[in-house]
Each structure stands twice: as structure tokens, then as C-alpha cells.
Protein backbone atom coordinates (compact mmCIF):
# COMPACT_ATOMS: atom_id res chain seq x y z
CA MET A 1 -15.80 -9.76 6.95
CA ASP A 2 -13.58 -7.65 9.20
CA ASP A 3 -10.83 -9.59 10.95
CA GLY A 4 -9.87 -6.61 13.10
CA LYS A 5 -6.71 -5.76 11.18
CA PRO A 6 -6.41 -2.35 9.52
CA LYS A 7 -6.66 -2.32 5.75
CA LEU A 8 -3.44 -2.21 3.74
CA LEU A 9 -3.58 1.50 2.91
CA ASP A 10 -4.41 2.31 6.53
CA GLN A 11 -1.37 0.30 7.61
CA LEU A 12 0.76 2.20 5.10
CA ARG A 13 -0.49 5.55 6.37
CA GLN A 14 0.10 4.52 9.96
CA GLN A 15 3.71 3.56 9.24
CA ILE A 16 4.33 6.80 7.35
CA ARG A 17 3.00 8.80 10.30
CA VAL A 18 5.13 6.85 12.79
CA ARG A 19 8.14 7.94 10.76
CA ASN A 20 6.97 11.58 10.84
CA TYR A 21 6.89 11.96 7.05
CA SER A 22 5.03 14.94 5.66
CA ILE A 23 1.35 14.72 4.76
CA ARG A 24 2.30 15.29 1.12
CA THR A 25 4.62 12.27 1.22
CA GLU A 26 1.84 10.21 2.77
CA THR A 27 -0.54 11.26 0.01
CA VAL A 28 1.92 10.47 -2.78
CA TYR A 29 2.90 7.09 -1.31
CA ALA A 30 -0.76 6.14 -0.89
CA GLU A 31 -1.52 7.11 -4.50
CA TRP A 32 1.37 4.98 -5.78
CA ALA A 33 0.19 2.08 -3.63
CA LYS A 34 -3.32 2.41 -5.11
CA ARG A 35 -1.89 2.37 -8.64
CA TYR A 36 0.13 -0.74 -7.85
CA ILE A 37 -2.89 -2.49 -6.35
CA ARG A 38 -5.11 -1.64 -9.34
CA PHE A 39 -2.38 -2.61 -11.83
CA HIS A 40 -2.27 -6.09 -10.33
CA ARG A 41 -6.07 -6.33 -10.24
CA TYR A 42 -6.42 -6.27 -6.46
CA ARG A 43 -4.35 -9.40 -5.82
CA HIS A 44 -3.33 -9.95 -2.22
CA PRO A 45 0.21 -8.74 -1.48
CA ALA A 46 1.11 -12.15 -0.05
CA GLU A 47 0.60 -13.62 -3.54
CA MET A 48 3.09 -11.24 -5.15
CA GLY A 49 6.83 -10.77 -5.09
CA ALA A 50 9.78 -9.27 -6.94
CA ALA A 51 8.44 -10.28 -10.37
CA GLU A 52 5.29 -8.22 -9.88
CA ILE A 53 7.31 -5.23 -8.73
CA GLU A 54 9.46 -5.44 -11.86
CA LEU A 55 6.36 -5.80 -14.04
CA PHE A 56 4.81 -2.68 -12.54
């Protein structure tokens, strides 16, 4: 079920590259994003807010 939009981590990587961050920074940010996503059991980002960030 592909709606044509890039996946979340692909969007993150794209934005990091637009800002010309190093590849190492991209890797680290992506790893932290994966940890956050797994911690919240793959909930959609639209369902989460400041409380979930604090909990993490």
C-alpha cells in the first residue's frame, strides 16, 4: 500500500542531505529515529506529541 510518499526515515535522510550534514550525522540521526520508533511500538508520528518525547 504505497501512497507515493517517501517513508519517514527516507524523508529524514533527504532533509539531512539538503542541509549538507555529514554522512556520519545522517547515520546517527537515523539510528536515534529508529530507536524512538521502536520504543513507541511503531505508532504513527501524527499520534504522538511532547509527552512521548519526554517519555523516550
